[in-house]
Each structure stands twice: as structure tokens, then as C-alpha cells.
C-alpha atoms as a PDB file:
ATOM      1  CA  MET A   1     -27.036  -6.441  17.691  1.00  0.00           C
ATOM      2  CA  ARG A   2     -25.357  -8.588  15.080  1.00  0.00           C
ATOM      3  CA  LYS A   3     -21.522  -8.148  15.543  1.00  0.00           C
ATOM      4  CA  ASP A   4     -19.341  -7.316  12.383  1.00  0.00           C
ATOM      5  CA  ARG A   5     -17.723 -10.317  10.507  1.00  0.00           C
ATOM      6  CA  ARG A   6     -14.291 -10.112  11.248  1.00  0.00           C
ATOM      7  CA  VAL A   7     -11.164 -11.766   9.454  1.00  0.00           C
ATOM      8  CA  SER A   8      -7.929 -12.133  10.677  1.00  0.00           C
ATOM      9  CA  GLY A   9      -4.340 -11.603   9.088  1.00  0.00           C
ATOM     10  CA  SER A  10      -1.971 -14.779   8.899  1.00  0.00           C
ATOM     11  CA  ALA A  11       0.223 -15.524  11.694  1.00  0.00           C
ATOM     12  CA  PRO A  12       3.748 -13.907  11.893  1.00  0.00           C
ATOM     13  CA  GLY A  13       6.123 -16.098   9.800  1.00  0.00           C
ATOM     14  CA  ALA A  14       3.642 -17.708   7.509  1.00  0.00           C
ATOM     15  CA  GLU A  15       5.070 -17.440   3.923  1.00  0.00           C
ATOM     16  CA  ILE A  16       3.965 -18.506   0.313  1.00  0.00           C
ATOM     17  CA  ARG A  17       6.998 -19.747  -1.252  1.00  0.00           C
ATOM     18  CA  PRO A  18       7.123 -19.499  -4.798  1.00  0.00           C
ATOM     19  CA  PRO A  19       8.635 -22.177  -7.220  1.00  0.00           C
ATOM     20  CA  ALA A  20      12.496 -22.365  -7.325  1.00  0.00           C
ATOM     21  CA  TRP A  21      12.844 -20.709 -10.668  1.00  0.00           C
ATOM     22  CA  ALA A  22      10.013 -17.751  -9.630  1.00  0.00           C
ATOM     23  CA  ASP A  23      12.062 -17.253  -6.759  1.00  0.00           C
ATOM     24  CA  ARG A  24      15.212 -17.008  -8.661  1.00  0.00           C
ATOM     25  CA  TYR A  25      13.553 -14.697 -11.266  1.00  0.00           C
ATOM     26  CA  LEU A  26      12.452 -12.314  -8.413  1.00  0.00           C
ATOM     27  CA  ARG A  27      15.623 -12.135  -6.949  1.00  0.00           C
ATOM     28  CA  ALA A  28      17.558 -11.627 -10.474  1.00  0.00           C
ATOM     29  CA  PHE A  29      15.100  -8.795 -11.047  1.00  0.00           C
ATOM     30  CA  LEU A  30      15.485  -7.050  -7.555  1.00  0.00           C
ATOM     31  CA  ALA A  31      19.573  -7.470  -8.163  1.00  0.00           C
ATOM     32  CA  CYS A  32      19.219  -5.633 -11.642  1.00  0.00           C
ATOM     33  CA  ALA A  33      17.020  -3.066 -10.389  1.00  0.00           C
ATOM     34  CA  SER A  34      19.160  -2.306  -7.389  1.00  0.00           C
ATOM     35  CA  ARG A  35      22.393  -2.158  -9.585  1.00  0.00           C
ATOM     36  CA  CYS A  36      21.321  -0.525 -12.739  1.00  0.00           C
ATOM     37  CA  PRO A  37      17.446   0.515 -12.402  1.00  0.00           C
ATOM     38  CA  SER A  38      17.453   2.436 -15.705  1.00  0.00           C
ATOM     39  CA  ILE A  39      18.366  -0.689 -17.512  1.00  0.00           C
ATOM     40  CA  VAL A  40      15.891  -2.702 -16.089  1.00  0.00           C
ATOM     41  CA  ARG A  41      13.071   0.183 -16.762  1.00  0.00           C
ATOM     42  CA  TRP A  42      13.929   0.315 -20.512  1.00  0.00           C
ATOM     43  CA  THR A  43      13.719  -3.627 -20.628  1.00  0.00           C
ATOM     44  CA  ARG A  44      10.350  -3.640 -18.839  1.00  0.00           C
ATOM     45  CA  PRO A  45       8.461  -5.695 -21.354  1.00  0.00           C
ATOM     46  CA  LEU A  46      10.737  -8.596 -21.193  1.00  0.00           C
ATOM     47  CA  TRP A  47      10.651  -8.487 -17.428  1.00  0.00           C
ATOM     48  CA  ILE A  48       6.892  -8.759 -17.644  1.00  0.00           C
ATOM     49  CA  TRP A  49       6.920 -11.514 -19.996  1.00  0.00           C
ATOM     50  CA  MET A  50       9.211 -13.366 -17.950  1.00  0.00           C
ATOM     51  CA  ALA A  51       7.299 -12.712 -14.587  1.00  0.00           C
ATOM     52  CA  TRP A  52       3.550 -13.734 -16.347  1.00  0.00           C
ATOM     53  CA  LEU A  53       5.534 -16.979 -17.517  1.00  0.00           C
ATOM     54  CA  LEU A  54       7.513 -17.858 -14.679  1.00  0.00           C
ATOM     55  CA  VAL A  55       5.756 -16.731 -11.351  1.00  0.00           C
ATOM     56  CA  PRO A  56       2.497 -18.360 -11.406  1.00  0.00           C
ATOM     57  CA  ALA A  57       1.405 -16.773  -8.247  1.00  0.00           C
ATOM     58  CA  LEU A  58       1.527 -13.116  -9.433  1.00  0.00           C
ATOM     59  CA  ARG A  59      -0.157 -14.040 -12.607  1.00  0.00           C
ATOM     60  CA  ASP A  60      -3.065 -16.363 -11.003  1.00  0.00           C
ATOM     61  CA  GLY A  61      -3.580 -13.297  -8.273  1.00  0.00           C
ATOM     62  CA  THR A  62      -3.461 -10.037 -10.980  1.00  0.00           C
ATOM     63  CA  MET A  63      -5.934 -12.299 -12.920  1.00  0.00           C
ATOM     64  CA  ALA A  64      -8.567 -13.013 -10.171  1.00  0.00           C
ATOM     65  CA  ASN A  65      -8.226  -9.359  -8.899  1.00  0.00           C
ATOM     66  CA  ALA A  66      -8.985  -8.272 -12.523  1.00  0.00           C
ATOM     67  CA  ARG A  67     -11.945 -10.454 -12.824  1.00  0.00           C
ATOM     68  CA  ARG A  68     -13.426  -8.508  -9.702  1.00  0.00           C
ATOM     69  CA  ILE A  69     -12.511  -4.897 -10.942  1.00  0.00           C
ATOM     70  CA  LEU A  70     -13.812  -5.727 -14.401  1.00  0.00           C
ATOM     71  CA  GLY A  71     -16.952  -7.782 -13.664  1.00  0.00           C
ATOM     72  CA  PRO A  72     -18.253 -11.246 -14.389  1.00  0.00           C
ATOM     73  CA  GLY A  73     -18.269 -10.198 -18.102  1.00  0.00           C
ATOM     74  CA  ALA A  74     -14.939  -9.676 -18.449  1.00  0.00           C
ATOM     75  CA  THR A  75     -12.871 -11.793 -21.230  1.00  0.00           C
ATOM     76  CA  ALA A  76      -9.971 -13.699 -20.192  1.00  0.00           C
ATOM     77  CA  ASN A  77      -7.807 -11.496 -22.652  1.00  0.00           C
ATOM     78  CA  ALA A  78      -8.927  -8.325 -21.033  1.00  0.00           C
ATOM     79  CA  CYS A  79      -8.166  -9.741 -17.642  1.00  0.00           C
ATOM     80  CA  ALA A  80      -4.820 -10.836 -18.788  1.00  0.00           C
ATOM     81  CA  ARG A  81      -4.073  -7.467 -20.208  1.00  0.00           C
ATOM     82  CA  LEU A  82      -4.810  -5.638 -16.815  1.00  0.00           C
ATOM     83  CA  GLY A  83      -2.667  -7.953 -14.915  1.00  0.00           C
ATOM     84  CA  ARG A  84       0.295  -7.534 -17.186  1.00  0.00           C
ATOM     85  CA  ALA A  85      -0.410  -3.639 -16.925  1.00  0.00           C
ATOM     86  CA  VAL A  86      -0.408  -4.226 -12.909  1.00  0.00           C
ATOM     87  CA  PHE A  87       2.982  -5.903 -13.421  1.00  0.00           C
ATOM     88  CA  SER A  88       4.311  -2.858 -15.501  1.00  0.00           C
ATOM     89  CA  SER A  89       3.312  -0.376 -12.783  1.00  0.00           C
ATOM     90  CA  PHE A  90       4.722  -2.353 -10.009  1.00  0.00           C
ATOM     91  CA  TYR A  91       8.221  -2.799 -11.841  1.00  0.00           C
ATOM     92  CA  ARG A  92       7.975   1.091 -12.802  1.00  0.00           C
ATOM     93  CA  SER A  93       7.470   1.693  -9.419  1.00  0.00           C
ATOM     94  CA  VAL A  94      10.544  -0.273  -7.964  1.00  0.00           C
ATOM     95  CA  CYS A  95      12.908   1.097 -10.509  1.00  0.00           C
ATOM     96  CA  GLU A  96      11.595   4.684  -9.629  1.00  0.00           C
ATOM     97  CA  LEU A  97      12.483   4.073  -6.081  1.00  0.00           C
ATOM     98  CA  ALA A  98      16.080   2.721  -7.149  1.00  0.00           C
ATOM     99  CA  GLU A  99      16.789   5.734  -9.001  1.00  0.00           C
ATOM    100  CA  LEU A 100      15.619   8.402  -6.531  1.00  0.00           C
ATOM    101  CA  ARG A 101      18.055   7.094  -3.892  1.00  0.00           C
ATOM    102  CA  SER A 102      20.740   8.935  -5.494  1.00  0.00           C
ATOM    103  CA  ALA A 103      18.637  11.789  -6.597  1.00  0.00           C
ATOM    104  CA  THR A 104      18.803  15.409  -5.316  1.00  0.00           C
ATOM    105  CA  ASP A 105      16.293  16.932  -3.240  1.00  0.00           C
ATOM    106  CA  GLU A 106      15.332  19.203  -6.241  1.00  0.00           C
ATOM    107  CA  GLN A 107      14.704  16.159  -8.642  1.00  0.00           C
ATOM    108  CA  ILE A 108      12.813  14.443  -5.829  1.00  0.00           C
ATOM    109  CA  ALA A 109      10.594  17.591  -5.533  1.00  0.00           C
ATOM    110  CA  SER A 110      10.185  17.887  -9.117  1.00  0.00           C
ATOM    111  CA  ARG A 111       8.330  14.266  -8.854  1.00  0.00           C
ATOM    112  CA  ILE A 112       5.351  15.842  -7.307  1.00  0.00           C
ATOM    113  CA  ALA A 113       3.014  17.565  -9.941  1.00  0.00           C
ATOM    114  CA  ARG A 114       0.479  18.725  -7.518  1.00  0.00           C
ATOM    115  CA  ILE A 115      -1.287  18.023  -4.175  1.00  0.00           C
ATOM    116  CA  ASP A 116      -4.784  18.225  -3.971  1.00  0.00           C
ATOM    117  CA  GLY A 117      -6.771  18.691  -0.580  1.00  0.00           C
ATOM    118  CA  ILE A 118      -3.541  19.884   1.356  1.00  0.00           C
ATOM    119  CA  GLU A 119      -6.205  22.182   3.436  1.00  0.00           C
ATOM    120  CA  HIS A 120      -7.021  18.864   5.023  1.00  0.00           C
ATOM    121  CA  PHE A 121      -3.519  18.005   6.201  1.00  0.00           C
ATOM    122  CA  LEU A 122      -2.731  21.505   7.195  1.00  0.00           C
ATOM    123  CA  ALA A 123      -6.118  21.570   9.365  1.00  0.00           C
ATOM    124  CA  SER A 124      -5.128  18.178  10.870  1.00  0.00           C
ATOM    125  CA  ARG A 125      -1.601  19.568  11.851  1.00  0.00           C
ATOM    126  CA  ALA A 126      -3.218  22.701  13.656  1.00  0.00           C
ATOM    127  CA  ARG A 127      -5.492  20.385  15.750  1.00  0.00           C
ATOM    128  CA  GLY A 128      -2.295  19.028  17.223  1.00  0.00           C
ATOM    129  CA  ARG A 129      -3.578  15.740  17.839  1.00  0.00           C
ATOM    130  CA  GLY A 130      -1.370  13.667  15.340  1.00  0.00           C
ATOM    131  CA  THR A 131      -2.219  12.626  11.878  1.00  0.00           C
ATOM    132  CA  LEU A 132      -2.976   9.277  10.670  1.00  0.00           C
ATOM    133  CA  LEU A 133      -2.288   9.062   6.770  1.00  0.00           C
ATOM    134  CA  LEU A 134      -4.464   6.021   5.522  1.00  0.00           C
ATOM    135  CA  THR A 135      -3.080   5.366   2.000  1.00  0.00           C
ATOM    136  CA  ALA A 136      -2.930   2.131  -0.361  1.00  0.00           C
ATOM    137  CA  HIS A 137      -0.953   0.441  -2.728  1.00  0.00           C
ATOM    138  CA  PHE A 138      -1.809   2.588  -5.253  1.00  0.00           C
ATOM    139  CA  GLY A 139       0.201   4.356  -7.912  1.00  0.00           C
ATOM    140  CA  ALA A 140       3.862   5.406  -6.389  1.00  0.00           C
ATOM    141  CA  PHE A 141       2.543   5.711  -2.929  1.00  0.00           C
ATOM    142  CA  GLU A 142       6.381   5.265  -1.316  1.00  0.00           C
ATOM    143  CA  ALA A 143       7.811   7.755  -3.952  1.00  0.00           C
ATOM    144  CA  GLY A 144       4.827   9.906  -2.901  1.00  0.00           C
ATOM    145  CA  LEU A 145       5.966  10.069   0.802  1.00  0.00           C
ATOM    146  CA  THR A 146       8.162  13.243  -0.587  1.00  0.00           C
ATOM    147  CA  ALA A 147       5.106  15.369  -0.579  1.00  0.00           C
ATOM    148  CA  MET A 148       4.771  14.669   3.369  1.00  0.00           C
ATOM    149  CA  THR A 149       8.434  14.777   4.452  1.00  0.00           C
ATOM    150  CA  ALA A 150       8.744  18.152   2.518  1.00  0.00           C
ATOM    151  CA  ARG A 151       6.702  19.591   5.339  1.00  0.00           C
ATOM    152  CA  GLU A 152       7.142  17.603   8.236  1.00  0.00           C
ATOM    153  CA  ARG A 153      10.607  16.883  10.135  1.00  0.00           C
ATOM    154  CA  CYS A 154       9.249  13.356  11.606  1.00  0.00           C
ATOM    155  CA  VAL A 155       7.078  10.931   9.509  1.00  0.00           C
ATOM    156  CA  SER A 156       6.882   7.376  10.695  1.00  0.00           C
ATOM    157  CA  VAL A 157       5.766   4.468   8.430  1.00  0.00           C
ATOM    158  CA  LEU A 158       4.062   1.170   9.515  1.00  0.00           C
ATOM    159  CA  TYR A 159       5.274  -1.578   7.554  1.00  0.00           C
ATOM    160  CA  ARG A 160       5.901  -5.146   6.764  1.00  0.00           C
ATOM    161  CA  PRO A 161       9.325  -6.362   5.880  1.00  0.00           C
ATOM    162  CA  ASP A 162       9.515  -8.289   2.659  1.00  0.00           C
ATOM    163  CA  PRO A 163      10.990 -11.693   2.790  1.00  0.00           C
ATOM    164  CA  LEU A 164      13.104 -10.901  -0.317  1.00  0.00           C
ATOM    165  CA  PRO A 165      16.106  -8.599   0.893  1.00  0.00           C
ATOM    166  CA  GLY A 166      16.623  -7.242  -2.549  1.00  0.00           C
ATOM    167  CA  PHE A 167      13.307  -5.436  -2.521  1.00  0.00           C
ATOM    168  CA  GLU A 168      13.836  -4.794   1.177  1.00  0.00           C
ATOM    169  CA  SER A 169      17.027  -2.933   0.472  1.00  0.00           C
ATOM    170  CA  ILE A 170      15.627  -0.636  -1.891  1.00  0.00           C
ATOM    171  CA  ARG A 171      12.768   0.291  -0.208  1.00  0.00           C
ATOM    172  CA  SER A 172      14.618   0.873   2.816  1.00  0.00           C
ATOM    173  CA  ALA A 173      17.263   3.086   1.228  1.00  0.00           C
ATOM    174  CA  TRP A 174      14.724   5.063  -0.114  1.00  0.00           C
ATOM    175  CA  ARG A 175      12.689   5.805   3.407  1.00  0.00           C
ATOM    176  CA  LYS A 176      16.053   6.513   4.875  1.00  0.00           C
ATOM    177  CA  ARG A 177      16.837   8.908   2.025  1.00  0.00           C
ATOM    178  CA  LEU A 178      13.904  10.808   3.064  1.00  0.00           C
ATOM    179  CA  GLY A 179      14.547  10.593   6.958  1.00  0.00           C
ATOM    180  CA  VAL A 180      11.078   8.508   7.379  1.00  0.00           C
ATOM    181  CA  VAL A 181      11.058   6.456  10.693  1.00  0.00           C
ATOM    182  CA  GLU A 182      10.583   2.801  10.155  1.00  0.00           C
ATOM    183  CA  ILE A 183       7.920   0.912  11.964  1.00  0.00           C
ATOM    184  CA  SER A 184       7.925  -2.784  11.289  1.00  0.00           C
ATOM    185  CA  VAL A 185       4.558  -4.924  12.305  1.00  0.00           C
ATOM    186  CA  ASP A 186       6.964  -7.583  13.277  1.00  0.00           C
ATOM    187  CA  GLU A 187       7.673  -5.737  16.696  1.00  0.00           C
ATOM    188  CA  GLY A 188       4.032  -6.605  17.750  1.00  0.00           C
ATOM    189  CA  LEU A 189       2.704  -4.634  20.833  1.00  0.00           C
ATOM    190  CA  ALA A 190       5.928  -2.548  20.532  1.00  0.00           C
ATOM    191  CA  ALA A 191       5.111  -1.212  16.897  1.00  0.00           C
ATOM    192  CA  TRP A 192       1.502   0.311  17.952  1.00  0.00           C
ATOM    193  CA  ILE A 193       3.248   1.564  21.323  1.00  0.00           C
ATOM    194  CA  ARG A 194       5.701   3.678  19.181  1.00  0.00           C
ATOM    195  CA  LEU A 195       2.765   4.432  16.841  1.00  0.00           C
ATOM    196  CA  ARG A 196       0.883   5.994  19.793  1.00  0.00           C
ATOM    197  CA  SER A 197       3.851   7.910  21.070  1.00  0.00           C
ATOM    198  CA  ALA A 198       4.277   9.340  17.631  1.00  0.00           C
ATOM    199  CA  LEU A 199       0.794  10.299  17.425  1.00  0.00           C
ATOM    200  CA  ALA A 200       0.762  11.833  20.904  1.00  0.00           C
ATOM    201  CA  SER A 201       3.720  14.031  20.355  1.00  0.00           C
ATOM    202  CA  ASN A 202       1.694  15.281  16.963  1.00  0.00           C
ATOM    203  CA  GLY A 203       3.661  13.386  14.452  1.00  0.00           C
ATOM    204  CA  VAL A 204       2.722  11.907  11.174  1.00  0.00           C
ATOM    205  CA  VAL A 205       2.182   8.248  10.673  1.00  0.00           C
ATOM    206  CA  ALA A 206       1.508   6.488   7.317  1.00  0.00           C
ATOM    207  CA  ILE A 207      -0.373   3.286   7.401  1.00  0.00           C
ATOM    208  CA  GLN A 208      -1.727   1.103   4.386  1.00  0.00           C
ATOM    209  CA  GLY A 209      -5.271   0.533   4.655  1.00  0.00           C
ATOM    210  CA  ASP A 210      -5.886  -1.857   1.740  1.00  0.00           C
ATOM    211  CA  ARG A 211      -4.664  -5.201   3.220  1.00  0.00           C
ATOM    212  CA  VAL A 212      -4.868  -7.146   6.589  1.00  0.00           C
ATOM    213  CA  LEU A 213      -1.558  -7.236   8.066  1.00  0.00           C
ATOM    214  CA  PRO A 214      -0.013 -10.223  10.349  1.00  0.00           C
ATOM    215  CA  GLY A 215      -1.901  -9.899  13.467  1.00  0.00           C
ATOM    216  CA  GLN A 216      -4.597  -7.636  12.425  1.00  0.00           C
ATOM    217  CA  LYS A 217      -8.346  -7.947  12.263  1.00  0.00           C
ATOM    218  CA  GLY A 218     -10.284  -6.983   9.534  1.00  0.00           C
ATOM    219  CA  ILE A 219     -14.016  -6.159   8.238  1.00  0.00           C
ATOM    220  CA  PRO A 220     -15.059  -7.188   4.716  1.00  0.00           C
ATOM    221  CA  VAL A 221     -16.752  -4.605   3.039  1.00  0.00           C
ATOM    222  CA  PRO A 222     -18.191  -4.628  -0.765  1.00  0.00           C
ATOM    223  CA  PHE A 223     -15.801  -3.678  -3.281  1.00  0.00           C
ATOM    224  CA  PHE A 224     -16.340  -3.904  -7.051  1.00  0.00           C
ATOM    225  CA  HIS A 225     -17.885  -7.393  -7.732  1.00  0.00           C
ATOM    226  CA  GLY A 226     -17.211  -8.830  -4.172  1.00  0.00           C
ATOM    227  CA  HIS A 227     -15.677  -8.011  -0.670  1.00  0.00           C
ATOM    228  CA  VAL A 228     -12.078  -6.862   0.505  1.00  0.00           C
ATOM    229  CA  ALA A 229     -10.890  -6.857   4.041  1.00  0.00           C
ATOM    230  CA  ILE A 230     -10.090  -3.473   5.511  1.00  0.00           C
ATOM    231  CA  PRO A 231      -7.808  -3.465   8.695  1.00  0.00           C
ATOM    232  CA  VAL A 232      -9.434  -2.538  11.651  1.00  0.00           C
ATOM    233  CA  GLY A 233      -6.164  -1.479  13.402  1.00  0.00           C
ATOM    234  CA  PRO A 234      -5.683   2.297  12.204  1.00  0.00           C
ATOM    235  CA  PHE A 235      -9.249   3.353  12.570  1.00  0.00           C
ATOM    236  CA  LYS A 236      -8.998   2.173  16.269  1.00  0.00           C
ATOM    237  CA  LEU A 237      -5.806   3.842  16.601  1.00  0.00           C
ATOM    238  CA  ALA A 238      -7.214   7.186  15.565  1.00  0.00           C
ATOM    239  CA  ARG A 239     -10.094   6.889  17.795  1.00  0.00           C
ATOM    240  CA  MET A 240      -7.890   5.770  20.694  1.00  0.00           C
ATOM    241  CA  THR A 241      -5.300   8.888  20.125  1.00  0.00           C
ATOM    242  CA  GLY A 242      -7.735  11.497  18.890  1.00  0.00           C
ATOM    243  CA  ALA A 243      -5.646  11.637  15.789  1.00  0.00           C
ATOM    244  CA  SER A 244      -6.956  12.834  12.501  1.00  0.00           C
ATOM    245  CA  LEU A 245      -7.365   9.702   9.955  1.00  0.00           C
ATOM    246  CA  LEU A 246      -6.949  11.260   6.219  1.00  0.00           C
ATOM    247  CA  PRO A 247      -6.980   9.120   3.390  1.00  0.00           C
ATOM    248  CA  VAL A 248      -4.149   9.680   1.038  1.00  0.00           C
ATOM    249  CA  PHE A 249      -3.785   8.399  -2.735  1.00  0.00           C
ATOM    250  CA  VAL A 250      -0.935   8.889  -4.957  1.00  0.00           C
ATOM    251  CA  THR A 251      -1.610   8.449  -8.603  1.00  0.00           C
ATOM    252  CA  ARG A 252       1.125   8.676 -11.615  1.00  0.00           C
ATOM    253  CA  LEU A 253       0.049  11.076 -14.213  1.00  0.00           C
ATOM    254  CA  PRO A 254       0.494  10.542 -18.138  1.00  0.00           C
ATOM    255  CA  ASP A 255       3.598  12.254 -17.887  1.00  0.00           C
ATOM    256  CA  GLY A 256       5.063  10.250 -15.036  1.00  0.00           C
ATOM    257  CA  ARG A 257       5.011  12.882 -12.407  1.00  0.00           C
ATOM    258  CA  LEU A 258       2.749  12.299  -9.204  1.00  0.00           C
ATOM    259  CA  GLN A 259      -0.448  13.685  -8.234  1.00  0.00           C
ATOM    260  CA  VAL A 260      -0.984  13.429  -4.423  1.00  0.00           C
ATOM    261  CA  SER A 261      -4.802  13.484  -3.129  1.00  0.00           C
ATOM    262  CA  ILE A 262      -5.725  14.000   0.516  1.00  0.00           C
ATOM    263  CA  GLU A 263      -9.250  13.540   1.458  1.00  0.00           C
ATOM    264  CA  ASP A 264     -11.132  15.303   4.296  1.00  0.00           C
ATOM    265  CA  ALA A 265     -10.655  13.201   7.841  1.00  0.00           C
ATOM    266  CA  LEU A 266     -12.603  10.372   8.279  1.00  0.00           C
ATOM    267  CA  SER A 267     -12.258  10.819  11.973  1.00  0.00           C
ATOM    268  CA  GLY A 268     -10.791  13.319  14.430  1.00  0.00           C
ATOM    269  CA  ASN A 269     -12.090  13.389  17.814  1.00  0.00           C
ATOM    270  CA  ALA A 270     -12.163  10.477  19.914  1.00  0.00           C
ATOM    271  CA  ALA A 271     -15.382  11.564  21.524  1.00  0.00           C
ATOM    272  CA  ASP A 272     -17.236  11.318  17.997  1.00  0.00           C
ATOM    273  CA  SER A 273     -18.399   7.557  18.710  1.00  0.00           C
ATOM    274  CA  ALA A 274     -17.082   4.563  20.725  1.00  0.00           C
ATOM    275  CA  ILE A 275     -13.726   3.067  19.807  1.00  0.00           C
ATOM    276  CA  ASP A 276     -15.143  -0.169  18.475  1.00  0.00           C
ATOM    277  CA  ASP A 277     -17.429   1.847  16.534  1.00  0.00           C
ATOM    278  CA  VAL A 278     -15.124   1.846  12.954  1.00  0.00           C
ATOM    279  CA  GLN A 279     -17.529   0.543  10.466  1.00  0.00           C
ATOM    280  CA  ALA A 280     -18.820   3.862   8.988  1.00  0.00           C
ATOM    281  CA  PRO A 281     -15.375   5.076   8.655  1.00  0.00           C
ATOM    282  CA  ILE A 282     -14.136   1.968   7.199  1.00  0.00           C
ATOM    283  CA  ALA A 283     -17.115   1.597   4.585  1.00  0.00           C
ATOM    284  CA  ARG A 284     -16.230   5.403   3.592  1.00  0.00           C
ATOM    285  CA  PHE A 285     -12.477   4.699   2.934  1.00  0.00           C
ATOM    286  CA  ALA A 286     -13.382   1.456   0.805  1.00  0.00           C
ATOM    287  CA  SER A 287     -15.751   3.720  -1.120  1.00  0.00           C
ATOM    288  CA  LEU A 288     -12.894   6.189  -1.812  1.00  0.00           C
ATOM    289  CA  LEU A 289     -10.304   3.523  -2.715  1.00  0.00           C
ATOM    290  CA  GLN A 290     -12.744   2.150  -5.232  1.00  0.00           C
ATOM    291  CA  GLN A 291     -13.332   5.361  -6.966  1.00  0.00           C
ATOM    292  CA  VAL A 292      -9.398   5.707  -7.112  1.00  0.00           C
ATOM    293  CA  VAL A 293      -8.811   2.370  -8.390  1.00  0.00           C
ATOM    294  CA  ALA A 294     -11.622   2.693 -10.856  1.00  0.00           C
ATOM    295  CA  SER A 295      -9.832   5.670 -12.098  1.00  0.00           C
ATOM    296  CA  ALA A 296      -6.935   3.954 -12.839  1.00  0.00           C
ATOM    297  CA  PRO A 297      -7.065   0.105 -12.203  1.00  0.00           C
ATOM    298  CA  ASP A 298      -3.550  -0.596 -13.469  1.00  0.00           C
ATOM    299  CA  GLN A 299      -2.024   1.294 -10.610  1.00  0.00           C
ATOM    300  CA  TRP A 300      -3.457  -0.513  -7.797  1.00  0.00           C
ATOM    301  CA  LEU A 301      -0.308  -2.664  -7.095  1.00  0.00           C
ATOM    302  CA  MET A 302      -2.254  -5.623  -5.303  1.00  0.00           C
ATOM    303  CA  LEU A 303      -0.250  -8.514  -6.453  1.00  0.00           C
ATOM    304  CA  HIS A 304      -1.850 -11.417  -4.502  1.00  0.00           C
ATOM    305  CA  ARG A 305      -5.458 -12.493  -4.446  1.00  0.00           C
ATOM    306  CA  ALA A 306      -7.234  -9.506  -2.695  1.00  0.00           C
ATOM    307  CA  TRP A 307     -10.935 -10.412  -2.557  1.00  0.00           C
ATOM    308  CA  VAL A 308     -12.512 -12.519   0.276  1.00  0.00           C
ATOM    309  CA  GLU A 309     -14.090 -14.629  -2.047  1.00  0.00           C
ATOM    310  CA  ASP A 310     -10.953 -15.627  -3.962  1.00  0.00           C
ATOM    311  CA  ALA A 311      -8.840 -16.402  -0.789  1.00  0.00           C
ATOM    312  CA  THR A 312      -7.497 -19.766  -0.519  1.00  0.00           C
ATOM    313  CA  SER A 313      -5.874 -21.691   2.326  1.00  0.00           C
ATOM    314  CA  ASP A 314      -2.373 -20.793   0.807  1.00  0.00           C
ATOM    315  CA  THR A 315      -3.107 -17.369   0.313  1.00  0.00           C
ATOM    316  CA  PRO A 316      -4.586 -15.643   3.269  1.00  0.00           C
ATOM    317  CA  TRP A 317      -4.805 -12.145   3.741  1.00  0.00           C
ATOM    318  CA  GLY A 318      -1.691 -10.377   5.229  1.00  0.00           C
ATOM    319  CA  SER A 319       0.546 -13.274   4.486  1.00  0.00           C
ATOM    320  CA  ARG A 320       4.114 -12.808   4.166  1.00  0.00           C
ATOM    321  CA  SER A 321       4.658 -13.743   0.426  1.00  0.00           C
ATOM    322  CA  SER A 322       7.820 -13.381  -1.099  1.00  0.00           C
ATOM    323  CA  ALA A 323       5.847 -12.293  -4.493  1.00  0.00           C
ATOM    324  CA  LEU A 324       6.807  -8.730  -3.736  1.00  0.00           C
ATOM    325  CA  SER A 325       3.226  -7.950  -2.159  1.00  0.00           C
ATOM    326  CA  PHE A 326       4.457  -4.802  -0.083  1.00  0.00           C
END
């Protein structure tokens, strides 16, 4: 039988360094967003225009992604509109996190308009084998964590520290506000031991499933007009621990509130199949992600070149880009 084609994320420590002016722009934006997020939110068109002009890596990445989503017949103007819309969604999310750091519990709870598929989550919790939430860089996924922390005392998140301290401080402060346990991929094997321990104690763990992180392996799967690499690790972790693997997506509604969608489990019994047999659930997750992205492409906050066909030697999957790619 032919083995799956697999790709590796970049080695820890690899970075894409933007030009000096782009780095200064990003640091200025984050400093302003941290100190006065409401002002940055109201001046968002100016920040987006500056990003489009000063940060070519973001412009090129979102344009390349837009061409894959819209198809080969898309015009340059259409791709540029979608690219700028992704910028707008991303900056809105950053400002929202900065503002929510000081919000009351009632204000935070009011951000969630509805939760679809809560029965899947409750069934997973009743199994007592741990719940692994597989999400994506879509909508307001960080703000959507409040839907889980309102129900669970201990929620852990596997994440990659951002090279820009301004963004990292905003994100970490928000997670601390919610009581979320952060587990960095930089911990290497220790991170996976902590994840297994959390699931073994019937905890809830959230992992991004649309990007191959440093040290991870991925499988390219069809996605719109090309292929993207989906990390293998979360699927193997679910199989090894017997945890339920639930796809979760957070969509921003027209009124600004959030809709949390929880899908049926991709796995939930380690005896269902071999641990290495993860191709079917990976394909299912990619299909669900494509449906979600198709419904609101401007909310997929993927700022780097996400498609396998568009990857270059200086934009590897999972690179530690200082272009604010979570």
C-alpha cells in the first residue's frame, strides 16, 4: 500500500523576518491595540491600508490564499478585496481581545450568540475520556474560548508563541483572564506529555488543526483549488488517549456576536482503528473546514501562504513568522 505523503513543519526557531519598516509597523499597531484598542478599531481602515502597503509578506500571503479560494478565474482586484477583508477581520479580532481583557463576566458571556451542536460536547464529557477540540484560525476563535470555559473548569490550549511580544501579551492576558492553561509547542515532548495527562484526567484540550506547527507532521489534502497540510498530531493524540476529537468553529455574525459550531466527533474510541490510520478523519476535518471557509472566506485568518502548491523555501509550513500568524 502506498504510504501517505507527509510534510514537516519548520524546525523550531526558524523565522521569516519582515523588512524593518514592516516590523516597526506591526509593533506600532500592537502597542496601540494593547493600550487603546477602541481607537485602533475605529481607525481600522487606516491600519489596513498601511499594512497592505508596508507588509508585503502579509499582502502576498493573503493574495495567494485568495486565488486558491476564489479559483483560477478570479481577478486581481477580487483577490485584493478578499486579502484586505482578511486583514480587517484579523485586526478586529486583535482589538477585541485587547478590549475583553478588562470586560466583566457578563460582557464576555454576551459575546456568544448561540452554540450549535452542544449535544456533541456533552456526550463527549459524559464518556469521561477527555475532549480534544480541533479548531481553526477562523472567525474569533480566541474569543470563542469563553463558550468552553463557562462550562469547564480546566481548559488547556496548545499554542505557538508569537515572535512579536505585543501580540503575545494580548493573547496571554486574555487566556489568563479566562483561566485557560497554555501549553507551548516549544516545550517539545513535554508539551505532548502535558496534553496526554490533561486528556487522561478527562480534561478539555484545544488545538489548531489548519496549520502544521514546528516539529509536527502533516498530510496534504484537497482544499478548494489546491491542497493544504493538516497536522497529524491531534488525530494520533485522540487515538492514543481515546479522547473524543470534536471539530469546533467560531463564526462572527453580522451583529458582531459569535456563533460556536461543534461538530460530531471524528474519533472517540482508540480501538476503532489503528493509531496510524488517520487519513479518513483528516479528510473529514478538511471537508468541514472548507465548508466553513466557503461560507465566510474573509474570516479565515490565515495570513501566510497556506497552500502546499504556493509554499516557498522562505515560507515553510509552521514557520515562526513575525507577521502575526497565530
